[in-house]
Amino acid sequence: MGKRKRITKKGLKHDALLETAAKGSKFVEHHLSTVVIGVIAALAVVAGVTLFLRSRGANDLAASAALATATQTLNSGLTTQAAQEFEALIAEFGGTRSAGAATCYLGTVYFHEGRVDEARDLFDGYLDRYGSEGSLGIVALEGKAAVLEQQRDFLAAAAIHEALAERSADVEPSAVRYLLAALRNYRSAGDWPAVQDAAARMLEAYPDSPRAPEARVLLAEAQVHPGT
């Protein structure tokens, strides 16, 4: 068993990571046949649907309980054990919302352990299966961007931050945070025209932000750099 590492709550804190209860299935379509069937057949259909619903609900509840347990383990700082619990949850309850949340948790754990390739596989897997909508989608996108930075694919990371900034345009603190992340990645990539453009856009959209001075410094740096 690997060395247990303690991850601070600050490092892992994210609204999406508080989703420890599965929402269950919200759609089960019932189509009544227009064909007249016998009483025994009708009862069999009703019984089958009832058993399906009970099974599906029990599966979601079990997945939710497993997620709560693994999350508690993680919050206790037992990251190796938590990772094993998340892995088991994903394997047993794949496709549930709890399994999706566990995928994001596990990707975050792997990232903090330096297992960036595995973390990227998890974040990509979440996005492929569940999409980028919702708070968990944001977690997966942020995680993927962090991995890309570690892999020195700065322009790809910047593109994700730009998309997140646009998505959060009405929430100034979030939009500014994402734009500054994009700026730092453009700077790391040596793309000074992109630095200048992104800094100008941020200052135009959020001139009174407490973090505007950071953008002004980067803009000034870009303006004196050759090629801008």
Protein backbone atom coordinates (compact mmCIF):
# COMPACT_ATOMS: atom_id res chain seq x y z
CA MET A 1 0.00 0.00 0.00
CA GLY A 2 1.36 3.43 -0.93
CA LYS A 3 2.25 6.15 1.49
CA ARG A 4 -0.79 7.92 2.85
CA LYS A 5 -0.87 11.58 1.96
CA ARG A 6 -2.94 14.23 3.64
CA ILE A 7 -4.68 16.66 1.33
CA THR A 8 -5.92 19.88 2.86
CA LYS A 9 -9.55 20.87 2.51
CA LYS A 10 -8.36 24.02 0.76
CA GLY A 11 -6.70 21.94 -1.92
CA LEU A 12 -9.77 19.90 -2.68
CA LYS A 13 -12.57 22.30 -1.79
CA HIS A 14 -15.07 22.74 -4.53
CA ASP A 15 -18.85 23.05 -4.49
CA ALA A 16 -19.16 20.09 -6.84
CA LEU A 17 -17.22 17.86 -4.48
CA LEU A 18 -19.98 18.24 -1.89
CA GLU A 19 -22.40 16.24 -4.04
CA THR A 20 -22.55 13.07 -1.95
CA ALA A 21 -26.14 12.08 -2.62
CA ALA A 22 -27.25 10.57 -5.88
CA LYS A 23 -30.40 12.12 -7.30
CA GLY A 24 -31.75 8.83 -8.55
CA SER A 25 -33.53 8.24 -11.78
CA LYS A 26 -35.85 11.11 -12.72
CA PHE A 27 -37.21 9.57 -15.85
CA VAL A 28 -38.85 6.21 -16.39
CA GLU A 29 -41.09 6.11 -19.42
CA HIS A 30 -44.27 4.10 -19.22
CA HIS A 31 -46.01 3.30 -22.50
CA LEU A 32 -49.32 1.53 -22.15
CA SER A 33 -50.03 -0.82 -24.97
CA THR A 34 -53.23 -0.30 -26.89
CA VAL A 35 -53.42 -4.03 -27.36
CA VAL A 36 -55.81 -5.78 -25.00
CA ILE A 37 -53.85 -8.20 -22.85
CA GLY A 38 -54.91 -10.72 -20.27
CA VAL A 39 -55.03 -9.98 -16.58
CA ILE A 40 -52.08 -12.26 -15.80
CA ALA A 41 -49.90 -10.59 -18.42
CA ALA A 42 -50.88 -7.13 -17.13
CA LEU A 43 -49.95 -8.07 -13.57
CA ALA A 44 -46.62 -9.43 -14.80
CA VAL A 45 -45.83 -6.13 -16.52
CA VAL A 46 -46.71 -4.13 -13.40
CA ALA A 47 -44.64 -6.40 -11.21
CA GLY A 48 -41.68 -6.15 -13.58
CA VAL A 49 -41.76 -2.35 -13.65
CA THR A 50 -42.07 -2.21 -9.87
CA LEU A 51 -39.09 -4.50 -9.39
CA PHE A 52 -37.07 -2.45 -11.88
CA LEU A 53 -37.82 0.79 -10.04
CA ARG A 54 -36.98 -0.72 -6.69
CA SER A 55 -33.74 -2.17 -8.04
CA ARG A 56 -32.75 1.11 -9.67
CA GLY A 57 -33.54 3.08 -6.52
CA ALA A 58 -31.62 0.64 -4.32
CA ASN A 59 -28.65 0.82 -6.68
CA ASP A 60 -28.59 4.62 -6.53
CA LEU A 61 -28.91 4.60 -2.75
CA ALA A 62 -26.09 2.09 -2.41
CA ALA A 63 -23.90 4.19 -4.71
CA SER A 64 -24.71 7.31 -2.71
CA ALA A 65 -23.81 5.58 0.54
CA ALA A 66 -20.53 4.34 -0.92
CA LEU A 67 -19.72 7.88 -2.10
CA ALA A 68 -20.43 9.32 1.34
CA THR A 69 -18.15 6.73 2.95
CA ALA A 70 -15.30 7.32 0.50
CA THR A 71 -15.64 11.08 0.85
CA GLN A 72 -15.44 10.81 4.62
CA THR A 73 -12.31 8.70 4.26
CA LEU A 74 -10.80 11.33 1.99
CA ASN A 75 -11.66 14.14 4.38
CA SER A 76 -9.89 12.19 7.10
CA GLY A 77 -6.70 12.41 5.04
CA LEU A 78 -6.53 8.70 4.20
CA THR A 79 -6.04 9.27 0.51
CA THR A 80 -4.79 5.81 -0.41
CA GLN A 81 -7.78 4.13 1.22
CA ALA A 82 -10.15 6.74 -0.24
CA ALA A 83 -8.77 6.13 -3.73
CA GLN A 84 -9.44 2.40 -3.35
CA GLU A 85 -12.99 3.12 -2.22
CA PHE A 86 -13.62 5.47 -5.14
CA GLU A 87 -12.22 2.88 -7.56
CA ALA A 88 -14.51 0.20 -6.13
CA LEU A 89 -17.52 2.53 -6.36
CA ILE A 90 -16.84 3.35 -10.00
CA ALA A 91 -16.42 -0.33 -10.86
CA GLU A 92 -19.61 -1.42 -9.10
CA PHE A 93 -21.93 1.50 -9.80
CA GLY A 94 -20.72 2.79 -13.16
CA GLY A 95 -23.18 5.11 -14.85
CA THR A 96 -24.71 6.49 -11.67
CA ARG A 97 -24.27 10.13 -10.71
CA SER A 98 -22.37 9.00 -7.62
CA ALA A 99 -19.91 7.16 -9.85
CA GLY A 100 -19.46 10.38 -11.81
CA ALA A 101 -18.73 12.32 -8.64
CA ALA A 102 -16.32 9.58 -7.53
CA THR A 103 -14.53 9.88 -10.87
CA CYS A 104 -13.91 13.58 -10.24
CA TYR A 105 -12.81 12.93 -6.66
CA LEU A 106 -10.43 10.18 -7.76
CA GLY A 107 -9.00 12.34 -10.53
CA THR A 108 -8.31 15.06 -7.97
CA VAL A 109 -6.62 12.59 -5.63
CA TYR A 110 -4.47 11.23 -8.43
CA PHE A 111 -3.49 14.74 -9.48
CA HIS A 112 -2.37 15.66 -5.97
CA GLU A 113 -0.39 12.42 -5.83
CA GLY A 114 1.40 13.35 -9.05
CA ARG A 115 -0.34 10.67 -11.12
CA VAL A 116 -1.24 13.21 -13.78
CA ASP A 117 -1.73 10.83 -16.69
CA GLU A 118 -4.20 8.74 -14.71
CA ALA A 119 -5.90 11.89 -13.49
CA ARG A 120 -6.34 13.09 -17.06
CA ASP A 121 -7.84 9.75 -18.07
CA LEU A 122 -10.42 10.12 -15.29
CA PHE A 123 -11.32 13.71 -16.13
CA ASP A 124 -11.57 12.88 -19.83
CA GLY A 125 -13.63 9.80 -18.97
CA TYR A 126 -16.04 11.88 -16.95
CA LEU A 127 -16.43 14.47 -19.71
CA ASP A 128 -16.94 11.78 -22.35
CA ARG A 129 -19.58 9.97 -20.34
CA TYR A 130 -21.39 12.73 -18.49
CA GLY A 131 -20.56 15.89 -20.42
CA SER A 132 -19.31 19.26 -19.17
CA GLU A 133 -22.59 20.62 -17.84
CA GLY A 134 -23.20 21.21 -14.16
CA SER A 135 -20.83 21.70 -11.28
CA LEU A 136 -19.17 18.31 -11.71
CA GLY A 137 -18.49 19.18 -15.34
CA ILE A 138 -16.67 22.28 -14.12
CA VAL A 139 -14.62 20.17 -11.72
CA ALA A 140 -13.63 17.86 -14.56
CA LEU A 141 -12.69 20.77 -16.83
CA GLU A 142 -10.67 22.47 -14.10
CA GLY A 143 -8.95 19.18 -13.34
CA LYS A 144 -8.11 18.60 -16.98
CA ALA A 145 -6.72 22.13 -17.28
CA ALA A 146 -4.52 21.55 -14.22
CA VAL A 147 -3.21 18.33 -15.76
CA LEU A 148 -2.49 20.05 -19.07
CA GLU A 149 -0.47 22.69 -17.22
CA GLN A 150 1.58 19.96 -15.55
CA GLN A 151 2.12 18.40 -18.96
CA ARG A 152 3.20 21.83 -20.27
CA ASP A 153 0.40 21.97 -22.81
CA PHE A 154 -0.21 25.57 -21.83
CA LEU A 155 -2.28 26.63 -24.82
CA ALA A 156 -4.73 23.77 -24.35
CA ALA A 157 -5.03 24.64 -20.66
CA ALA A 158 -5.60 28.30 -21.55
CA ALA A 159 -8.37 27.33 -23.96
CA ILE A 160 -10.21 25.50 -21.18
CA HIS A 161 -9.84 28.46 -18.83
CA GLU A 162 -11.11 30.81 -21.53
CA ALA A 163 -14.18 28.61 -22.04
CA LEU A 164 -14.80 28.49 -18.29
CA ALA A 165 -14.45 32.28 -18.09
CA GLU A 166 -17.05 32.73 -20.81
CA ARG A 167 -19.32 30.27 -19.06
CA SER A 168 -18.94 32.24 -15.80
CA ALA A 169 -19.17 35.70 -17.35
CA ASP A 170 -21.95 36.77 -14.98
CA VAL A 171 -20.03 35.67 -11.88
CA GLU A 172 -17.16 38.14 -11.77
CA PRO A 173 -14.86 36.44 -9.22
CA SER A 174 -14.99 33.15 -11.13
CA ALA A 175 -14.63 34.75 -14.55
CA VAL A 176 -11.65 36.81 -13.39
CA ARG A 177 -9.99 33.77 -11.83
CA TYR A 178 -10.33 31.81 -15.05
CA LEU A 179 -9.09 34.68 -17.21
CA LEU A 180 -6.02 35.15 -15.03
CA ALA A 181 -5.35 31.41 -15.29
CA ALA A 182 -5.59 31.71 -19.07
CA LEU A 183 -3.21 34.68 -18.97
CA ARG A 184 -0.64 32.77 -16.96
CA ASN A 185 -0.81 29.87 -19.40
CA TYR A 186 -0.45 32.15 -22.42
CA ARG A 187 2.57 33.69 -20.72
CA SER A 188 4.08 30.27 -20.00
CA ALA A 189 3.56 29.36 -23.66
CA GLY A 190 5.28 32.57 -24.75
CA ASP A 191 2.17 33.68 -26.64
CA TRP A 192 2.45 37.37 -25.89
CA PRO A 193 -0.22 38.54 -28.35
CA ALA A 194 -2.67 36.21 -26.57
CA VAL A 195 -1.55 37.62 -23.21
CA GLN A 196 -2.19 41.14 -24.45
CA ASP A 197 -5.57 40.25 -25.91
CA ALA A 198 -6.83 38.34 -22.87
CA ALA A 199 -5.59 40.98 -20.43
CA ALA A 200 -7.28 43.74 -22.41
CA ARG A 201 -10.54 41.78 -22.51
CA MET A 202 -10.44 41.16 -18.77
CA LEU A 203 -9.75 44.80 -17.95
CA GLU A 204 -12.52 45.93 -20.25
CA ALA A 205 -15.06 43.51 -18.77
CA TYR A 206 -14.01 43.75 -15.13
CA PRO A 207 -12.08 47.04 -14.67
CA ASP A 208 -12.92 47.32 -10.97
CA SER A 209 -11.97 43.79 -10.02
CA PRO A 210 -9.63 43.56 -7.00
CA ARG A 211 -7.42 41.41 -9.23
CA ALA A 212 -7.31 43.88 -12.11
CA PRO A 213 -3.76 44.99 -11.13
CA GLU A 214 -2.51 41.47 -11.92
CA ALA A 215 -3.90 41.77 -15.44
CA ARG A 216 -2.38 45.24 -15.85
CA VAL A 217 1.07 43.92 -14.93
CA LEU A 218 0.76 41.13 -17.49
CA LEU A 219 -0.58 43.53 -20.09
CA ALA A 220 2.36 45.89 -19.55
CA GLU A 221 4.77 42.96 -19.83
CA ALA A 222 3.15 41.85 -23.07
CA GLN A 223 3.21 45.35 -24.59
CA VAL A 224 6.98 45.65 -24.26
CA HIS A 225 7.66 42.15 -25.47
CA PRO A 226 8.81 41.74 -29.08
CA GLY A 227 6.10 40.59 -31.45
CA THR A 228 3.17 42.27 -29.73
